C-alpha atoms as a PDB file:
ATOM      1  CA  MET A   1      38.553  -0.739  28.494  1.00  0.00           C
ATOM      2  CA  ALA A   2      34.996   0.332  27.766  1.00  0.00           C
ATOM      3  CA  LEU A   3      33.292  -0.772  24.566  1.00  0.00           C
ATOM      4  CA  ALA A   4      31.273   1.812  22.689  1.00  0.00           C
ATOM      5  CA  ARG A   5      28.807   1.117  19.947  1.00  0.00           C
ATOM      6  CA  TYR A   6      29.828   2.706  16.672  1.00  0.00           C
ATOM      7  CA  GLU A   7      27.111   4.293  14.595  1.00  0.00           C
ATOM      8  CA  SER A   8      28.035   5.802  11.298  1.00  0.00           C
ATOM      9  CA  SER A   9      26.580   9.147  10.357  1.00  0.00           C
ATOM     10  CA  TRP A  10      24.593   7.322   7.645  1.00  0.00           C
ATOM     11  CA  ASP A  11      22.839   5.187  10.270  1.00  0.00           C
ATOM     12  CA  ALA A  12      21.793   8.252  12.237  1.00  0.00           C
ATOM     13  CA  LEU A  13      20.724  10.085   9.095  1.00  0.00           C
ATOM     14  CA  ASN A  14      18.664   7.121   7.859  1.00  0.00           C
ATOM     15  CA  HIS A  15      16.995   6.791  11.259  1.00  0.00           C
ATOM     16  CA  LEU A  16      16.115  10.508  11.266  1.00  0.00           C
ATOM     17  CA  HIS A  17      14.821  10.263   7.684  1.00  0.00           C
ATOM     18  CA  ARG A  18      12.488   7.368   8.607  1.00  0.00           C
ATOM     19  CA  GLN A  19      11.165   9.261  11.624  1.00  0.00           C
ATOM     20  CA  ILE A  20      10.466  12.395   9.586  1.00  0.00           C
ATOM     21  CA  ASN A  21       8.710  10.345   6.895  1.00  0.00           C
ATOM     22  CA  ARG A  22       6.494   8.689   9.510  1.00  0.00           C
ATOM     23  CA  ILE A  23       5.513  12.083  10.910  1.00  0.00           C
ATOM     24  CA  PHE A  24       4.606  13.486   7.487  1.00  0.00           C
ATOM     25  CA  ASP A  25       2.883  10.288   6.380  1.00  0.00           C
ATOM     26  CA  SER A  26       0.721  10.227   9.492  1.00  0.00           C
ATOM     27  CA  GLN A  27      -0.185  13.907   9.062  1.00  0.00           C
ATOM     28  CA  THR A  28      -1.059  13.699   5.366  1.00  0.00           C
ATOM     29  CA  ALA A  29      -2.601  10.251   5.065  1.00  0.00           C
ATOM     30  CA  ALA A  30      -6.260  10.814   4.321  1.00  0.00           C
ATOM     31  CA  ASN A  31      -8.653   8.496   6.146  1.00  0.00           C
ATOM     32  CA  ALA A  32      -5.770   6.551   7.662  1.00  0.00           C
ATOM     33  CA  ASP A  33      -6.492   4.124  10.441  1.00  0.00           C
ATOM     34  CA  VAL A  34      -4.195   5.504  13.130  1.00  0.00           C
ATOM     35  CA  GLY A  35      -4.067   2.271  15.130  1.00  0.00           C
ATOM     36  CA  SER A  36      -3.038   0.164  12.158  1.00  0.00           C
ATOM     37  CA  SER A  37      -0.680   2.634  10.505  1.00  0.00           C
ATOM     38  CA  ALA A  38       1.071   3.216  13.807  1.00  0.00           C
ATOM     39  CA  THR A  39       2.034  -0.451  13.920  1.00  0.00           C
ATOM     40  CA  ALA A  40       3.224  -0.508  10.302  1.00  0.00           C
ATOM     41  CA  ASP A  41       6.971  -0.400   9.737  1.00  0.00           C
ATOM     42  CA  TRP A  42       6.650   1.183   6.302  1.00  0.00           C
ATOM     43  CA  ILE A  43       4.104   2.433   3.778  1.00  0.00           C
ATOM     44  CA  PRO A  44       4.435   1.441   0.110  1.00  0.00           C
ATOM     45  CA  SER A  45       4.309   4.178  -2.511  1.00  0.00           C
ATOM     46  CA  ALA A  46       1.169   4.121  -4.629  1.00  0.00           C
ATOM     47  CA  ASP A  47      -0.013   5.521  -7.943  1.00  0.00           C
ATOM     48  CA  ILE A  48      -3.766   6.005  -8.331  1.00  0.00           C
ATOM     49  CA  LEU A  49      -5.152   6.170 -11.848  1.00  0.00           C
ATOM     50  CA  GLU A  50      -8.757   6.865 -12.805  1.00  0.00           C
ATOM     51  CA  TYR A  51     -10.212   5.798 -16.129  1.00  0.00           C
ATOM     52  CA  ALA A  52     -13.759   6.176 -17.448  1.00  0.00           C
ATOM     53  CA  ASP A  53     -14.653   2.630 -16.368  1.00  0.00           C
ATOM     54  CA  ARG A  54     -12.221   1.805 -13.522  1.00  0.00           C
ATOM     55  CA  PHE A  55      -9.656   2.878 -10.942  1.00  0.00           C
ATOM     56  CA  VAL A  56      -6.197   1.306 -10.880  1.00  0.00           C
ATOM     57  CA  LEU A  57      -3.901   1.313  -7.849  1.00  0.00           C
ATOM     58  CA  LYS A  58      -0.226   0.443  -8.346  1.00  0.00           C
ATOM     59  CA  LEU A  59       1.803  -0.147  -5.200  1.00  0.00           C
ATOM     60  CA  ASP A  60       5.562  -0.680  -5.006  1.00  0.00           C
ATOM     61  CA  VAL A  61       6.146  -3.827  -2.944  1.00  0.00           C
ATOM     62  CA  PRO A  62       9.483  -5.278  -4.138  1.00  0.00           C
ATOM     63  CA  GLY A  63      10.636  -8.293  -2.194  1.00  0.00           C
ATOM     64  CA  VAL A  64       7.118  -9.097  -0.979  1.00  0.00           C
ATOM     65  CA  ASN A  65       5.610 -12.391  -2.113  1.00  0.00           C
ATOM     66  CA  ALA A  66       2.261 -11.647  -3.797  1.00  0.00           C
ATOM     67  CA  SER A  67       0.616 -14.532  -1.930  1.00  0.00           C
ATOM     68  CA  ALA A  68       1.604 -12.903   1.390  1.00  0.00           C
ATOM     69  CA  ILE A  69      -0.336  -9.707   0.666  1.00  0.00           C
ATOM     70  CA  ASP A  70      -3.755  -9.378   2.296  1.00  0.00           C
ATOM     71  CA  ILE A  71      -6.357  -7.272   0.474  1.00  0.00           C
ATOM     72  CA  THR A  72      -9.808  -6.658   1.934  1.00  0.00           C
ATOM     73  CA  LEU A  73     -12.702  -4.442   0.926  1.00  0.00           C
ATOM     74  CA  ASP A  74     -15.142  -3.614   3.694  1.00  0.00           C
ATOM     75  CA  GLN A  75     -17.747  -0.836   3.656  1.00  0.00           C
ATOM     76  CA  GLY A  76     -15.991   1.114   0.922  1.00  0.00           C
ATOM     77  CA  VAL A  77     -12.504   0.912   2.439  1.00  0.00           C
ATOM     78  CA  LEU A  78      -9.829  -1.056   0.580  1.00  0.00           C
ATOM     79  CA  THR A  79      -7.107  -2.272   2.948  1.00  0.00           C
ATOM     80  CA  ILE A  80      -3.783  -3.646   1.699  1.00  0.00           C
ATOM     81  CA  SER A  81      -1.292  -5.120   4.141  1.00  0.00           C
ATOM     82  CA  GLY A  82       1.599  -7.539   4.207  1.00  0.00           C
ATOM     83  CA  GLU A  83       5.179  -7.933   5.272  1.00  0.00           C
ATOM     84  CA  ARG A  84       8.613  -7.741   3.717  1.00  0.00           C
ATOM     85  CA  PRO A  85      10.796 -10.211   5.618  1.00  0.00           C
ATOM     86  CA  ALA A  86      14.056  -8.965   7.083  1.00  0.00           C
ATOM     87  CA  GLU A  87      17.164 -10.170   5.309  1.00  0.00           C
ATOM     88  CA  VAL A  88      19.715 -11.972   7.420  1.00  0.00           C
ATOM     89  CA  ALA A  89      23.135 -10.407   6.953  1.00  0.00           C
ATOM     90  CA  SER A  90      26.007 -12.818   6.622  1.00  0.00           C
ATOM     91  CA  ALA A  91      28.639 -12.825   9.343  1.00  0.00           C
ATOM     92  CA  ASP A  92      31.388 -11.496   7.071  1.00  0.00           C
ATOM     93  CA  VAL A  93      29.632  -8.172   6.311  1.00  0.00           C
ATOM     94  CA  GLU A  94      31.715  -5.397   7.818  1.00  0.00           C
ATOM     95  CA  ARG A  95      29.416  -2.443   7.098  1.00  0.00           C
ATOM     96  CA  SER A  96      26.036  -1.995   5.548  1.00  0.00           C
ATOM     97  CA  ARG A  97      23.625   0.750   4.640  1.00  0.00           C
ATOM     98  CA  ARG A  98      19.986  -0.241   4.376  1.00  0.00           C
ATOM     99  CA  GLU A  99      17.527   2.018   2.614  1.00  0.00           C
ATOM    100  CA  ARG A 100      14.801  -0.500   1.815  1.00  0.00           C
ATOM    101  CA  PRO A 101      12.327  -0.782   4.677  1.00  0.00           C
ATOM    102  CA  GLN A 102      11.484  -4.180   6.127  1.00  0.00           C
ATOM    103  CA  GLY A 103       8.643  -5.464   8.254  1.00  0.00           C
ATOM    104  CA  ARG A 104       4.882  -4.917   8.133  1.00  0.00           C
ATOM    105  CA  PHE A 105       3.155  -2.465   5.822  1.00  0.00           C
ATOM    106  CA  HIS A 106      -0.410  -1.209   5.794  1.00  0.00           C
ATOM    107  CA  ARG A 107      -2.306   1.047   3.402  1.00  0.00           C
ATOM    108  CA  ARG A 108      -6.004   2.046   3.275  1.00  0.00           C
ATOM    109  CA  PHE A 109      -7.998   3.697   0.497  1.00  0.00           C
ATOM    110  CA  THR A 110     -11.550   5.006   0.785  1.00  0.00           C
ATOM    111  CA  LEU A 111     -13.410   4.178  -2.415  1.00  0.00           C
ATOM    112  CA  PRO A 112     -16.322   6.115  -3.888  1.00  0.00           C
ATOM    113  CA  ASP A 113     -19.818   4.628  -3.964  1.00  0.00           C
ATOM    114  CA  THR A 114     -19.561   4.222  -7.745  1.00  0.00           C
ATOM    115  CA  VAL A 115     -17.224   1.194  -7.625  1.00  0.00           C
ATOM    116  CA  ASP A 116     -18.264  -2.385  -8.317  1.00  0.00           C
ATOM    117  CA  ALA A 117     -16.978  -4.044  -5.139  1.00  0.00           C
ATOM    118  CA  ALA A 118     -17.711  -7.557  -6.399  1.00  0.00           C
ATOM    119  CA  ALA A 119     -15.409  -7.200  -9.428  1.00  0.00           C
ATOM    120  CA  VAL A 120     -12.198  -5.940  -7.766  1.00  0.00           C
ATOM    121  CA  ARG A 121      -9.124  -7.934  -8.782  1.00  0.00           C
ATOM    122  CA  ALA A 122      -5.406  -7.775  -8.013  1.00  0.00           C
ATOM    123  CA  THR A 123      -2.227  -8.984  -9.706  1.00  0.00           C
ATOM    124  CA  GLY A 124       1.378  -8.938  -8.582  1.00  0.00           C
ATOM    125  CA  ARG A 125       4.351  -8.873 -10.921  1.00  0.00           C
ATOM    126  CA  ASP A 126       7.908  -7.520 -10.802  1.00  0.00           C
ATOM    127  CA  GLY A 127       7.433  -6.016  -7.336  1.00  0.00           C
ATOM    128  CA  ILE A 128       4.321  -4.072  -8.310  1.00  0.00           C
ATOM    129  CA  LEU A 129       0.890  -4.866  -6.913  1.00  0.00           C
ATOM    130  CA  GLU A 130      -1.842  -3.710  -9.284  1.00  0.00           C
ATOM    131  CA  VAL A 131      -5.404  -3.504  -7.984  1.00  0.00           C
ATOM    132  CA  THR A 132      -8.133  -2.880 -10.570  1.00  0.00           C
ATOM    133  CA  ILE A 133     -11.404  -1.507  -9.238  1.00  0.00           C
ATOM    134  CA  PRO A 134     -14.162  -1.320 -11.871  1.00  0.00           C
ATOM    135  CA  LYS A 135     -16.820   1.358 -11.693  1.00  0.00           C
ATOM    136  CA  GLN A 136     -20.483   0.412 -11.746  1.00  0.00           C
ATOM    137  CA  ALA A 137     -22.149   0.644 -15.117  1.00  0.00           C
ATOM    138  CA  LYS A 138     -24.118   3.869 -15.277  1.00  0.00           C
ATOM    139  CA  ALA A 139     -27.839   3.548 -15.670  1.00  0.00           C
ATOM    140  CA  GLN A 140     -28.565   4.168 -19.316  1.00  0.00           C
ATOM    141  CA  PRO A 141     -31.840   5.739 -20.299  1.00  0.00           C
ATOM    142  CA  ARG A 142     -34.051   3.325 -22.159  1.00  0.00           C
ATOM    143  CA  ARG A 143     -37.117   3.827 -24.172  1.00  0.00           C
ATOM    144  CA  ILE A 144     -40.267   2.195 -22.777  1.00  0.00           C
ATOM    145  CA  GLU A 145     -42.876   1.182 -25.293  1.00  0.00           C
ATOM    146  CA  VAL A 146     -46.487   1.847 -24.431  1.00  0.00           C
ATOM    147  CA  ALA A 147     -48.560  -1.255 -25.047  1.00  0.00           C
ATOM    148  CA  THR A 148     -51.922  -0.890 -26.723  1.00  0.00           C
ATOM    149  CA  ASN A 149     -54.851  -3.143 -25.930  1.00  0.00           C
END
């Protein structure tokens, strides 16, 4: 008797969905580092907000320990990477459907020259990583007094 591996239609559909997402993400990701994003298992969703004095990035990273996230800023490129560990399924699980990606993630953002790179800060809470990037203070015109002798 030959054993055949059973794959539900959901497994095949989920696999196809992930492949299609990777294709579109790689085509539309602006300034993406192809070498690094190709090795990423998933890409977290991000909201980008611009205020008069700062930019705020909010990334969905549920299940990722904030201390395990690596954030670097080098030559105007903000890189955020980390890993969501794979969950070990118990032996008594008969079927499962997994929609939450696991493994390494990687995201890059090119920042404008107007940011204050020394004042960038990040916080993680409730599965959301929030990166605040202040803008440089604009040069304000000032009046210069003319000294008399």
